[in-house]
Amino acid sequence: MEAALNQTQPVLNQLLKIVMYDIPLQQPEELRAPTAKHILIEIGKGMTQALGSLTHPTLAWFVVHVGVGATPAEAVQSVQMLLEQGFVPFADFFTDRQGIHFYDDGATQEKLQKMPERLSEFTQMTVTINIKEVHHIMEKYKVSEPLARKMLMNLKILEQKMNVSLKELLSELDRNQELLQDVMNSDLSGSIDTN
C-alpha cells in the first residue's frame, strides 16, 4: 500500500512480486489466479480509502503499472475514465500492453453501456475473454490457466486481424502443430498495430 501510494519503484516491484508470484505459488494451481486477484482487489480497496477517492490518478497509475509494467499517459487516462464510470479494478477489468480487458462480471450489458465510446489508442482493439473459453483451452490443450489466457488473447487478436472466426482458428491449430506452438509461445499483445 505504502509503496503504491508513494510510487517508490523498487519497493513497488517487490510488493508486486510477492502479490503476483510468491503468495499465489503457495496455493494449489487452481487457486493461484483467484488469490492474486483477491489480493489486488484488497490493495485497490485500501488505496481507494487512503486516497479518499475511487477515481484518484494514483489508483489509475497503480492499475496500469500492475498490468503494463509502465505508465503510458494514455493508459492511465483510459483507466481513470473507467474508474469514473464505476468500474472496479481487478474485479471488473484488468490491463496489459494490448489494452483494457473485462472479466465476465465487468462485461455485463449494463456496465458496458457506461463505457466511454472511445477511451484512447490504448483501447482501440477490444478483446473479450470469458472464463468458459479459458477452461475450454485448458482442457483441449492441457495447459495452465495463465497459458490458456495468453493463447486465447493471441487467438482473439488473430481473429480480429485476419477476420477469421475463433472456431476456424482452433480447428486450424488441431491440424497445424507449428501454428499451435506459435500461439503458445508468442505475445501478440505487445505488437498491436493501432493505425
N, C-alpha and C. Protein backbone atom coordinates (compact mmCIF):
# COMPACT_ATOMS: atom_id res chain seq x y z
N MET A 1 0.84 -1.20 0.00
CA MET A 1 0.00 0.00 0.00
C MET A 1 0.87 1.24 0.00
N GLU A 2 1.78 1.30 0.96
CA GLU A 2 2.64 2.48 1.08
C GLU A 2 3.48 2.66 -0.19
N ALA A 3 3.98 1.53 -0.71
CA ALA A 3 4.79 1.59 -1.93
C ALA A 3 3.96 2.12 -3.10
N ALA A 4 2.73 1.65 -3.19
CA ALA A 4 1.86 2.09 -4.29
C ALA A 4 1.55 3.58 -4.16
N LEU A 5 1.24 4.02 -2.94
CA LEU A 5 0.87 5.43 -2.74
C LEU A 5 2.05 6.35 -2.96
N ASN A 6 3.24 5.89 -2.58
CA ASN A 6 4.43 6.73 -2.74
C ASN A 6 5.10 6.53 -4.09
N GLN A 7 4.64 5.54 -4.84
CA GLN A 7 5.19 5.23 -6.15
C GLN A 7 6.70 5.02 -6.12
N THR A 8 7.21 4.37 -5.05
CA THR A 8 8.64 4.07 -4.99
C THR A 8 8.89 2.77 -5.75
N GLN A 9 9.57 2.88 -6.87
CA GLN A 9 9.71 1.79 -7.82
C GLN A 9 10.26 0.48 -7.22
N PRO A 10 11.42 0.50 -6.54
CA PRO A 10 11.97 -0.78 -6.05
C PRO A 10 11.03 -1.46 -5.05
N VAL A 11 10.43 -0.67 -4.16
CA VAL A 11 9.53 -1.25 -3.15
C VAL A 11 8.27 -1.78 -3.82
N LEU A 12 7.77 -1.02 -4.80
CA LEU A 12 6.57 -1.45 -5.51
C LEU A 12 6.84 -2.74 -6.29
N ASN A 13 7.98 -2.83 -6.94
CA ASN A 13 8.32 -4.04 -7.68
C ASN A 13 8.36 -5.25 -6.75
N GLN A 14 8.91 -5.06 -5.56
CA GLN A 14 8.98 -6.15 -4.58
C GLN A 14 7.57 -6.54 -4.13
N LEU A 15 6.73 -5.54 -3.87
CA LEU A 15 5.34 -5.79 -3.47
C LEU A 15 4.61 -6.59 -4.55
N LEU A 16 4.74 -6.17 -5.80
CA LEU A 16 4.05 -6.84 -6.90
C LEU A 16 4.55 -8.27 -7.08
N LYS A 17 5.85 -8.49 -6.89
CA LYS A 17 6.41 -9.84 -7.00
C LYS A 17 5.77 -10.74 -5.94
N ILE A 18 5.65 -10.22 -4.71
CA ILE A 18 5.05 -11.01 -3.62
C ILE A 18 3.59 -11.31 -3.93
N VAL A 19 2.86 -10.26 -4.37
CA VAL A 19 1.41 -10.41 -4.63
C VAL A 19 1.14 -11.32 -5.81
N MET A 20 1.87 -11.11 -6.91
CA MET A 20 1.56 -11.81 -8.16
C MET A 20 2.19 -13.20 -8.24
N TYR A 21 3.30 -13.43 -7.53
CA TYR A 21 4.00 -14.71 -7.69
C TYR A 21 4.19 -15.47 -6.38
N ASP A 22 4.82 -14.83 -5.39
CA ASP A 22 5.22 -15.57 -4.19
C ASP A 22 4.03 -16.15 -3.43
N ILE A 23 3.05 -15.29 -3.10
CA ILE A 23 1.88 -15.77 -2.33
C ILE A 23 1.07 -16.77 -3.15
N PRO A 24 0.71 -16.47 -4.42
CA PRO A 24 -0.06 -17.45 -5.20
C PRO A 24 0.65 -18.80 -5.36
N LEU A 25 2.00 -18.79 -5.46
CA LEU A 25 2.72 -20.05 -5.65
C LEU A 25 2.57 -20.99 -4.46
N GLN A 26 2.18 -20.47 -3.31
CA GLN A 26 1.97 -21.31 -2.13
C GLN A 26 0.62 -22.01 -2.19
N GLN A 27 -0.21 -21.66 -3.16
CA GLN A 27 -1.56 -22.22 -3.30
C GLN A 27 -1.56 -23.33 -4.36
N PRO A 28 -2.58 -24.22 -4.31
CA PRO A 28 -2.75 -25.16 -5.43
C PRO A 28 -2.97 -24.38 -6.71
N GLU A 29 -2.61 -24.96 -7.86
CA GLU A 29 -2.62 -24.22 -9.13
C GLU A 29 -3.96 -23.54 -9.44
N GLU A 30 -5.07 -24.23 -9.15
CA GLU A 30 -6.38 -23.66 -9.50
C GLU A 30 -6.74 -22.45 -8.63
N LEU A 31 -6.03 -22.26 -7.51
CA LEU A 31 -6.30 -21.12 -6.63
C LEU A 31 -5.34 -19.95 -6.84
N ARG A 32 -4.32 -20.13 -7.67
CA ARG A 32 -3.29 -19.09 -7.81
C ARG A 32 -3.84 -17.80 -8.39
N ALA A 33 -4.54 -17.89 -9.53
CA ALA A 33 -5.08 -16.67 -10.16
C ALA A 33 -6.12 -16.00 -9.26
N PRO A 34 -7.09 -16.75 -8.67
CA PRO A 34 -8.05 -16.09 -7.77
C PRO A 34 -7.38 -15.44 -6.55
N THR A 35 -6.31 -16.06 -6.04
CA THR A 35 -5.60 -15.50 -4.88
C THR A 35 -4.96 -14.16 -5.24
N ALA A 36 -4.25 -14.12 -6.38
CA ALA A 36 -3.61 -12.86 -6.81
C ALA A 36 -4.66 -11.78 -7.04
N LYS A 37 -5.77 -12.18 -7.68
CA LYS A 37 -6.85 -11.23 -7.97
C LYS A 37 -7.43 -10.68 -6.67
N HIS A 38 -7.67 -11.56 -5.69
CA HIS A 38 -8.25 -11.14 -4.40
C HIS A 38 -7.33 -10.14 -3.70
N ILE A 39 -6.03 -10.43 -3.68
CA ILE A 39 -5.07 -9.53 -3.01
C ILE A 39 -5.06 -8.17 -3.70
N LEU A 40 -5.06 -8.18 -5.05
CA LEU A 40 -5.05 -6.91 -5.79
C LEU A 40 -6.33 -6.11 -5.54
N ILE A 41 -7.47 -6.82 -5.45
CA ILE A 41 -8.73 -6.12 -5.14
C ILE A 41 -8.63 -5.46 -3.77
N GLU A 42 -8.07 -6.19 -2.80
CA GLU A 42 -7.93 -5.64 -1.44
C GLU A 42 -6.99 -4.43 -1.44
N ILE A 43 -5.88 -4.51 -2.19
CA ILE A 43 -4.97 -3.35 -2.30
C ILE A 43 -5.71 -2.17 -2.92
N GLY A 44 -6.49 -2.46 -3.97
CA GLY A 44 -7.29 -1.41 -4.62
C GLY A 44 -8.24 -0.74 -3.65
N LYS A 45 -8.93 -1.56 -2.82
CA LYS A 45 -9.86 -1.01 -1.82
C LYS A 45 -9.11 -0.15 -0.80
N GLY A 46 -7.96 -0.67 -0.34
CA GLY A 46 -7.16 0.08 0.63
C GLY A 46 -6.69 1.41 0.06
N MET A 47 -6.27 1.40 -1.20
CA MET A 47 -5.82 2.64 -1.83
C MET A 47 -6.98 3.62 -1.98
N THR A 48 -8.15 3.09 -2.35
CA THR A 48 -9.33 3.95 -2.50
C THR A 48 -9.64 4.66 -1.19
N GLN A 49 -9.58 3.91 -0.08
CA GLN A 49 -9.85 4.51 1.23
C GLN A 49 -8.78 5.53 1.59
N ALA A 50 -7.51 5.15 1.40
CA ALA A 50 -6.41 6.05 1.77
C ALA A 50 -6.42 7.33 0.94
N LEU A 51 -6.77 7.20 -0.35
CA LEU A 51 -6.77 8.36 -1.25
C LEU A 51 -8.07 9.15 -1.15
N GLY A 52 -9.10 8.53 -0.57
CA GLY A 52 -10.39 9.20 -0.41
C GLY A 52 -11.19 9.29 -1.69
N SER A 53 -10.77 8.52 -2.71
CA SER A 53 -11.49 8.59 -3.99
C SER A 53 -11.19 7.37 -4.83
N LEU A 54 -12.23 6.79 -5.42
CA LEU A 54 -12.05 5.66 -6.34
C LEU A 54 -11.40 6.11 -7.64
N THR A 55 -11.53 7.39 -7.97
CA THR A 55 -11.07 7.87 -9.28
C THR A 55 -9.72 8.60 -9.21
N HIS A 56 -9.02 8.48 -8.08
CA HIS A 56 -7.75 9.18 -7.92
C HIS A 56 -6.73 8.73 -8.98
N PRO A 57 -5.97 9.67 -9.57
CA PRO A 57 -4.99 9.30 -10.60
C PRO A 57 -3.96 8.26 -10.12
N THR A 58 -3.61 8.28 -8.83
CA THR A 58 -2.63 7.31 -8.32
C THR A 58 -3.17 5.89 -8.41
N LEU A 59 -4.46 5.73 -8.19
CA LEU A 59 -5.07 4.40 -8.31
C LEU A 59 -5.03 3.94 -9.76
N ALA A 60 -5.36 4.86 -10.68
CA ALA A 60 -5.29 4.52 -12.11
C ALA A 60 -3.86 4.16 -12.49
N TRP A 61 -2.91 4.93 -11.98
CA TRP A 61 -1.48 4.66 -12.25
C TRP A 61 -1.11 3.27 -11.75
N PHE A 62 -1.56 2.90 -10.56
CA PHE A 62 -1.22 1.60 -9.98
C PHE A 62 -1.80 0.46 -10.82
N VAL A 63 -3.07 0.59 -11.23
CA VAL A 63 -3.72 -0.46 -12.03
C VAL A 63 -2.95 -0.66 -13.33
N VAL A 64 -2.56 0.43 -13.97
CA VAL A 64 -1.81 0.34 -15.22
C VAL A 64 -0.43 -0.27 -14.96
N HIS A 65 0.21 0.14 -13.88
CA HIS A 65 1.55 -0.36 -13.58
C HIS A 65 1.54 -1.86 -13.36
N VAL A 66 0.51 -2.36 -12.70
CA VAL A 66 0.40 -3.81 -12.46
C VAL A 66 0.28 -4.55 -13.79
N GLY A 67 -0.55 -4.02 -14.69
CA GLY A 67 -0.82 -4.73 -15.94
C GLY A 67 0.21 -4.49 -17.03
N VAL A 68 0.69 -3.29 -17.13
CA VAL A 68 1.53 -2.90 -18.26
C VAL A 68 3.00 -2.86 -17.88
N GLY A 69 3.28 -2.64 -16.60
CA GLY A 69 4.67 -2.55 -16.17
C GLY A 69 5.29 -1.21 -16.50
N ALA A 70 4.50 -0.26 -16.93
CA ALA A 70 4.96 1.10 -17.24
C ALA A 70 3.76 2.01 -17.07
N THR A 71 3.96 3.29 -17.25
CA THR A 71 2.83 4.19 -17.05
C THR A 71 2.60 5.12 -18.24
N PRO A 72 2.26 4.56 -19.41
CA PRO A 72 1.94 5.47 -20.52
C PRO A 72 0.74 6.34 -20.15
N ALA A 73 0.85 7.63 -20.45
CA ALA A 73 -0.18 8.59 -20.04
C ALA A 73 -1.56 8.21 -20.54
N GLU A 74 -1.67 7.73 -21.80
CA GLU A 74 -2.99 7.41 -22.35
C GLU A 74 -3.61 6.23 -21.64
N ALA A 75 -2.78 5.30 -21.15
CA ALA A 75 -3.30 4.15 -20.41
C ALA A 75 -3.86 4.58 -19.06
N VAL A 76 -3.15 5.47 -18.37
CA VAL A 76 -3.63 5.98 -17.08
C VAL A 76 -4.94 6.73 -17.29
N GLN A 77 -5.01 7.56 -18.32
CA GLN A 77 -6.24 8.31 -18.60
C GLN A 77 -7.40 7.37 -18.91
N SER A 78 -7.12 6.33 -19.69
CA SER A 78 -8.17 5.36 -20.04
C SER A 78 -8.71 4.68 -18.80
N VAL A 79 -7.80 4.24 -17.93
CA VAL A 79 -8.23 3.56 -16.70
C VAL A 79 -9.00 4.53 -15.82
N GLN A 80 -8.55 5.77 -15.75
CA GLN A 80 -9.25 6.75 -14.93
C GLN A 80 -10.68 6.97 -15.43
N MET A 81 -10.86 6.97 -16.75
CA MET A 81 -12.22 7.11 -17.31
C MET A 81 -13.10 5.95 -16.86
N LEU A 82 -12.54 4.75 -16.82
CA LEU A 82 -13.32 3.60 -16.36
C LEU A 82 -13.66 3.71 -14.88
N LEU A 83 -12.68 4.15 -14.09
CA LEU A 83 -12.91 4.32 -12.65
C LEU A 83 -14.04 5.32 -12.42
N GLU A 84 -14.05 6.38 -13.22
CA GLU A 84 -15.09 7.41 -13.08
C GLU A 84 -16.47 6.88 -13.42
N GLN A 85 -16.53 5.81 -14.22
CA GLN A 85 -17.82 5.20 -14.58
C GLN A 85 -18.21 4.09 -13.60
N GLY A 86 -17.41 3.90 -12.55
CA GLY A 86 -17.77 2.93 -11.51
C GLY A 86 -17.24 1.52 -11.74
N PHE A 87 -16.36 1.32 -12.73
CA PHE A 87 -15.75 0.01 -12.92
C PHE A 87 -14.72 -0.23 -11.81
N VAL A 88 -14.66 -1.47 -11.34
CA VAL A 88 -13.78 -1.79 -10.21
C VAL A 88 -12.52 -2.49 -10.73
N PRO A 89 -11.33 -1.92 -10.44
CA PRO A 89 -10.10 -2.54 -10.94
C PRO A 89 -9.91 -3.94 -10.36
N PHE A 90 -9.40 -4.85 -11.20
CA PHE A 90 -9.11 -6.25 -10.86
C PHE A 90 -10.37 -7.09 -10.65
N ALA A 91 -11.51 -6.46 -10.37
CA ALA A 91 -12.77 -7.21 -10.24
C ALA A 91 -13.52 -7.16 -11.57
N ASP A 92 -13.63 -5.95 -12.16
CA ASP A 92 -14.34 -5.79 -13.43
C ASP A 92 -13.41 -5.86 -14.64
N PHE A 93 -12.16 -5.38 -14.46
CA PHE A 93 -11.26 -5.29 -15.62
C PHE A 93 -9.81 -5.43 -15.20
N PHE A 94 -8.96 -5.74 -16.19
CA PHE A 94 -7.52 -5.73 -15.97
C PHE A 94 -6.87 -5.08 -17.19
N THR A 95 -5.60 -4.75 -17.08
CA THR A 95 -4.89 -4.11 -18.19
C THR A 95 -3.67 -4.95 -18.58
N ASP A 96 -3.29 -4.83 -19.82
CA ASP A 96 -1.98 -5.32 -20.25
C ASP A 96 -1.53 -4.44 -21.40
N ARG A 97 -0.45 -4.82 -22.09
CA ARG A 97 0.10 -3.91 -23.12
C ARG A 97 -0.86 -3.72 -24.29
N GLN A 98 -1.81 -4.64 -24.45
CA GLN A 98 -2.73 -4.53 -25.58
C GLN A 98 -3.91 -3.60 -25.26
N GLY A 99 -4.20 -3.42 -23.98
CA GLY A 99 -5.30 -2.53 -23.63
C GLY A 99 -6.01 -2.93 -22.37
N ILE A 100 -7.31 -2.63 -22.33
CA ILE A 100 -8.15 -2.91 -21.17
C ILE A 100 -9.04 -4.10 -21.52
N HIS A 101 -9.14 -5.05 -20.60
CA HIS A 101 -9.95 -6.24 -20.83
C HIS A 101 -10.89 -6.43 -19.64
N PHE A 102 -12.07 -6.93 -19.92
CA PHE A 102 -13.09 -7.06 -18.88
C PHE A 102 -13.31 -8.52 -18.50
N TYR A 103 -13.39 -8.75 -17.19
CA TYR A 103 -13.81 -10.06 -16.70
C TYR A 103 -15.31 -10.21 -16.96
N ASP A 104 -15.81 -11.44 -16.79
CA ASP A 104 -17.24 -11.69 -17.02
C ASP A 104 -18.11 -10.70 -16.24
N ASP A 105 -17.79 -10.48 -14.96
CA ASP A 105 -18.60 -9.59 -14.11
C ASP A 105 -18.56 -8.15 -14.59
N GLY A 106 -17.46 -7.78 -15.22
CA GLY A 106 -17.32 -6.39 -15.67
C GLY A 106 -17.89 -6.16 -17.05
N ALA A 107 -18.27 -7.24 -17.74
CA ALA A 107 -18.71 -7.10 -19.13
C ALA A 107 -20.22 -7.27 -19.27
N THR A 108 -20.96 -7.00 -18.20
CA THR A 108 -22.42 -7.08 -18.31
C THR A 108 -22.90 -5.94 -19.21
N GLN A 109 -24.05 -6.11 -19.85
CA GLN A 109 -24.59 -5.09 -20.74
C GLN A 109 -24.71 -3.75 -20.03
N GLU A 110 -25.21 -3.81 -18.80
CA GLU A 110 -25.41 -2.59 -18.01
C GLU A 110 -24.11 -1.83 -17.83
N LYS A 111 -23.04 -2.56 -17.50
CA LYS A 111 -21.76 -1.90 -17.26
C LYS A 111 -21.13 -1.40 -18.56
N LEU A 112 -21.18 -2.22 -19.59
CA LEU A 112 -20.53 -1.83 -20.85
C LEU A 112 -21.22 -0.63 -21.50
N GLN A 113 -22.49 -0.42 -21.21
CA GLN A 113 -23.20 0.75 -21.74
C GLN A 113 -22.64 2.04 -21.14
N LYS A 114 -22.04 1.93 -19.94
CA LYS A 114 -21.48 3.11 -19.29
C LYS A 114 -20.07 3.44 -19.78
N MET A 115 -19.49 2.55 -20.58
CA MET A 115 -18.12 2.75 -21.02
C MET A 115 -18.04 3.89 -22.03
N PRO A 116 -17.11 4.81 -21.86
CA PRO A 116 -16.95 5.88 -22.85
C PRO A 116 -16.76 5.28 -24.24
N GLU A 117 -17.32 5.93 -25.26
CA GLU A 117 -17.33 5.36 -26.61
C GLU A 117 -15.93 5.03 -27.10
N ARG A 118 -15.02 5.94 -26.89
CA ARG A 118 -13.63 5.66 -27.27
C ARG A 118 -12.73 6.21 -26.18
N LEU A 119 -11.97 5.34 -25.56
CA LEU A 119 -11.13 5.80 -24.46
C LEU A 119 -9.85 6.44 -24.98
N SER A 120 -9.10 5.71 -25.82
CA SER A 120 -7.83 6.23 -26.35
C SER A 120 -7.26 5.20 -27.30
N GLU A 121 -6.09 5.48 -27.82
CA GLU A 121 -5.40 4.50 -28.66
C GLU A 121 -5.15 3.21 -27.88
N PHE A 122 -5.02 3.35 -26.57
CA PHE A 122 -4.71 2.21 -25.71
C PHE A 122 -5.80 1.15 -25.78
N THR A 123 -7.03 1.54 -26.08
CA THR A 123 -8.13 0.58 -26.10
C THR A 123 -8.75 0.43 -27.49
N GLN A 124 -7.98 0.73 -28.52
CA GLN A 124 -8.57 0.72 -29.86
C GLN A 124 -9.05 -0.67 -30.26
N MET A 125 -8.29 -1.72 -29.93
CA MET A 125 -8.75 -3.07 -30.21
C MET A 125 -9.32 -3.65 -28.93
N THR A 126 -10.57 -4.06 -28.97
CA THR A 126 -11.19 -4.64 -27.79
C THR A 126 -11.23 -6.15 -27.92
N VAL A 127 -10.68 -6.84 -26.95
CA VAL A 127 -10.67 -8.30 -26.94
C VAL A 127 -11.36 -8.75 -25.66
N THR A 128 -12.41 -9.55 -25.80
CA THR A 128 -13.15 -10.03 -24.63
C THR A 128 -12.88 -11.52 -24.45
N ILE A 129 -12.49 -11.89 -23.25
CA ILE A 129 -12.21 -13.29 -22.94
C ILE A 129 -13.11 -13.69 -21.78
N ASN A 130 -13.82 -14.80 -21.93
CA ASN A 130 -14.61 -15.24 -20.78
C ASN A 130 -14.04 -16.54 -20.21
N ILE A 131 -14.38 -16.82 -18.98
CA ILE A 131 -13.76 -17.93 -18.25
C ILE A 131 -14.09 -19.28 -18.87
N LYS A 132 -15.26 -19.41 -19.52
CA LYS A 132 -15.60 -20.68 -20.18
C LYS A 132 -14.63 -20.96 -21.32
N GLU A 133 -14.29 -19.92 -22.07
CA GLU A 133 -13.32 -20.09 -23.16
C GLU A 133 -11.95 -20.49 -22.62
N VAL A 134 -11.56 -19.87 -21.50
CA VAL A 134 -10.27 -20.19 -20.88
C VAL A 134 -10.26 -21.66 -20.47
N HIS A 135 -11.34 -22.13 -19.81
CA HIS A 135 -11.41 -23.53 -19.38
C HIS A 135 -11.40 -24.48 -20.57
N HIS A 136 -12.05 -24.08 -21.66
CA HIS A 136 -12.07 -24.92 -22.87
C HIS A 136 -10.64 -25.11 -23.40
N ILE A 137 -9.88 -24.00 -23.47
CA ILE A 137 -8.49 -24.07 -23.95
C ILE A 137 -7.64 -24.91 -22.99
N MET A 138 -7.86 -24.73 -21.69
CA MET A 138 -7.10 -25.51 -20.69
C MET A 138 -7.31 -27.01 -20.90
N GLU A 139 -8.57 -27.40 -21.07
CA GLU A 139 -8.89 -28.82 -21.25
C GLU A 139 -8.41 -29.34 -22.60
N LYS A 140 -8.65 -28.58 -23.64
CA LYS A 140 -8.32 -29.02 -25.00
C LYS A 140 -6.82 -29.23 -25.19
N TYR A 141 -6.01 -28.31 -24.64
CA TYR A 141 -4.56 -28.37 -24.88
C TYR A 141 -3.76 -28.74 -23.63
N LYS A 142 -4.47 -29.05 -22.54
CA LYS A 142 -3.82 -29.48 -21.29
C LYS A 142 -2.75 -28.47 -20.85
N VAL A 143 -3.19 -27.21 -20.71
CA VAL A 143 -2.28 -26.13 -20.31
C VAL A 143 -2.81 -25.44 -19.05
N SER A 144 -1.93 -24.68 -18.39
CA SER A 144 -2.31 -23.95 -17.18
C SER A 144 -3.22 -22.78 -17.54
N GLU A 145 -3.88 -22.20 -16.53
CA GLU A 145 -4.78 -21.07 -16.78
C GLU A 145 -4.06 -19.87 -17.38
N PRO A 146 -2.87 -19.46 -16.82
CA PRO A 146 -2.19 -18.30 -17.43
C PRO A 146 -1.84 -18.53 -18.90
N LEU A 147 -1.38 -19.75 -19.24
CA LEU A 147 -1.03 -20.03 -20.64
C LEU A 147 -2.30 -20.06 -21.50
N ALA A 148 -3.39 -20.61 -20.97
CA ALA A 148 -4.66 -20.64 -21.71
C ALA A 148 -5.13 -19.21 -22.01
N ARG A 149 -5.00 -18.31 -21.01
CA ARG A 149 -5.41 -16.90 -21.21
C ARG A 149 -4.54 -16.25 -22.30
N LYS A 150 -3.23 -16.52 -22.24
CA LYS A 150 -2.30 -15.96 -23.23
C LYS A 150 -2.64 -16.48 -24.63
N MET A 151 -2.88 -17.79 -24.74
CA MET A 151 -3.24 -18.38 -26.04
C MET A 151 -4.53 -17.77 -26.57
N LEU A 152 -5.51 -17.64 -25.67
CA LEU A 152 -6.81 -17.09 -26.07
C LEU A 152 -6.67 -15.64 -26.52
N MET A 153 -5.84 -14.87 -25.80
CA MET A 153 -5.59 -13.48 -26.18
C MET A 153 -5.00 -13.44 -27.59
N ASN A 154 -3.99 -14.30 -27.85
CA ASN A 154 -3.37 -14.35 -29.17
C ASN A 154 -4.39 -14.72 -30.25
N LEU A 155 -5.22 -15.72 -29.94
CA LEU A 155 -6.22 -16.17 -30.91
C LEU A 155 -7.26 -15.08 -31.20
N LYS A 156 -7.67 -14.35 -30.15
CA LYS A 156 -8.67 -13.29 -30.34
C LYS A 156 -8.09 -12.13 -31.16
N ILE A 157 -6.80 -11.86 -30.96
CA ILE A 157 -6.15 -10.81 -31.75
C ILE A 157 -6.06 -11.26 -33.22
N LEU A 158 -5.66 -12.53 -33.44
CA LEU A 158 -5.61 -13.07 -34.80
C LEU A 158 -7.00 -13.06 -35.44
N GLU A 159 -8.01 -13.38 -34.64
CA GLU A 159 -9.39 -13.40 -35.13
C GLU A 159 -9.76 -12.04 -35.73
N GLN A 160 -9.40 -10.97 -35.01
CA GLN A 160 -9.74 -9.62 -35.49
C GLN A 160 -8.85 -9.20 -36.67
N LYS A 161 -7.55 -9.51 -36.55
CA LYS A 161 -6.62 -9.06 -37.60
C LYS A 161 -6.85 -9.80 -38.91
N MET A 162 -7.16 -11.11 -38.83
CA MET A 162 -7.28 -11.93 -40.04
C MET A 162 -8.73 -12.09 -40.48
N ASN A 163 -9.66 -11.61 -39.64
CA ASN A 163 -11.09 -11.74 -39.95
C ASN A 163 -11.49 -13.22 -40.14
N VAL A 164 -10.97 -14.05 -39.24
CA VAL A 164 -11.26 -15.49 -39.23
C VAL A 164 -11.85 -15.81 -37.88
N SER A 165 -12.88 -16.65 -37.82
CA SER A 165 -13.54 -16.93 -36.54
C SER A 165 -12.63 -17.74 -35.61
N LEU A 166 -12.88 -17.61 -34.33
CA LEU A 166 -12.13 -18.36 -33.31
C LEU A 166 -12.26 -19.86 -33.56
N LYS A 167 -13.47 -20.29 -33.93
CA LYS A 167 -13.71 -21.71 -34.19
C LYS A 167 -12.81 -22.21 -35.32
N GLU A 168 -12.70 -21.41 -36.39
CA GLU A 168 -11.83 -21.79 -37.52
C GLU A 168 -10.36 -21.84 -37.09
N LEU A 169 -9.95 -20.87 -36.27
CA LEU A 169 -8.57 -20.84 -35.79
C LEU A 169 -8.26 -22.08 -34.94
N LEU A 170 -9.20 -22.45 -34.07
CA LEU A 170 -9.00 -23.62 -33.22
C LEU A 170 -8.89 -24.90 -34.06
N SER A 171 -9.71 -25.02 -35.09
CA SER A 171 -9.63 -26.22 -35.93
C SER A 171 -8.32 -26.24 -36.72
N GLU A 172 -7.82 -25.05 -37.08
CA GLU A 172 -6.51 -24.96 -37.76
C GLU A 172 -5.39 -25.39 -36.82
N LEU A 173 -5.49 -25.03 -35.54
CA LEU A 173 -4.48 -25.44 -34.55
C LEU A 173 -4.42 -26.95 -34.43
N ASP A 174 -5.57 -27.61 -34.56
CA ASP A 174 -5.61 -29.08 -34.46
C ASP A 174 -4.81 -29.72 -35.59
N ARG A 175 -4.78 -29.05 -36.74
CA ARG A 175 -4.08 -29.61 -37.91
C ARG A 175 -2.63 -29.14 -38.02
N ASN A 176 -2.33 -27.99 -37.41
CA ASN A 176 -1.04 -27.35 -37.63
C ASN A 176 -0.27 -27.19 -36.31
N GLN A 177 0.61 -28.14 -36.04
CA GLN A 177 1.37 -28.15 -34.79
C GLN A 177 2.28 -26.93 -34.66
N GLU A 178 2.83 -26.49 -35.78
CA GLU A 178 3.73 -25.33 -35.77
C GLU A 178 2.97 -24.07 -35.35
N LEU A 179 1.77 -23.89 -35.91
CA LEU A 179 0.95 -22.73 -35.54
C LEU A 179 0.55 -22.81 -34.06
N LEU A 180 0.24 -24.00 -33.59
CA LEU A 180 -0.10 -24.19 -32.18
C LEU A 180 1.05 -23.72 -31.29
N GLN A 181 2.28 -24.10 -31.64
CA GLN A 181 3.45 -23.68 -30.86
C GLN A 181 3.61 -22.16 -30.90
N ASP A 182 3.37 -21.56 -32.09
CA ASP A 182 3.46 -20.10 -32.21
C ASP A 182 2.44 -19.41 -31.29
N VAL A 183 1.21 -19.93 -31.28
CA VAL A 183 0.16 -19.33 -30.46
C VAL A 183 0.49 -19.48 -28.98
N MET A 184 1.15 -20.60 -28.62
CA MET A 184 1.53 -20.81 -27.21
C MET A 184 2.69 -19.91 -26.80
N ASN A 185 3.64 -19.68 -27.72
CA ASN A 185 4.89 -19.00 -27.35
C ASN A 185 4.91 -17.50 -27.66
N SER A 186 4.05 -17.04 -28.56
CA SER A 186 4.08 -15.63 -28.95
C SER A 186 3.33 -14.75 -27.95
N ASP A 187 3.61 -13.44 -28.04
CA ASP A 187 2.86 -12.46 -27.27
C ASP A 187 2.43 -11.37 -28.24
N LEU A 188 1.29 -11.62 -28.90
CA LEU A 188 0.82 -10.67 -29.92
C LEU A 188 0.35 -9.37 -29.31
N SER A 189 0.03 -9.39 -28.00
CA SER A 189 -0.50 -8.17 -27.37
C SER A 189 0.54 -7.06 -27.33
N GLY A 190 1.82 -7.41 -27.47
CA GLY A 190 2.86 -6.40 -27.42
C GLY A 190 3.13 -5.74 -28.76
N SER A 191 2.50 -6.26 -29.82
CA SER A 191 2.81 -5.73 -31.16
C SER A 191 1.54 -5.35 -31.92
N ILE A 192 0.55 -4.84 -31.20
CA ILE A 192 -0.71 -4.45 -31.85
C ILE A 192 -0.47 -3.21 -32.69
N ASP A 193 -0.95 -3.28 -33.92
CA ASP A 193 -0.88 -2.11 -34.81
C ASP A 193 -2.13 -1.27 -34.57
N THR A 194 -1.96 -0.08 -34.04
CA THR A 194 -3.14 0.75 -33.72
C THR A 194 -3.44 1.77 -34.81
N ASN A 195 -2.86 1.59 -35.99
CA ASN A 195 -3.15 2.54 -37.08
C ASN A 195 -4.43 2.15 -37.78
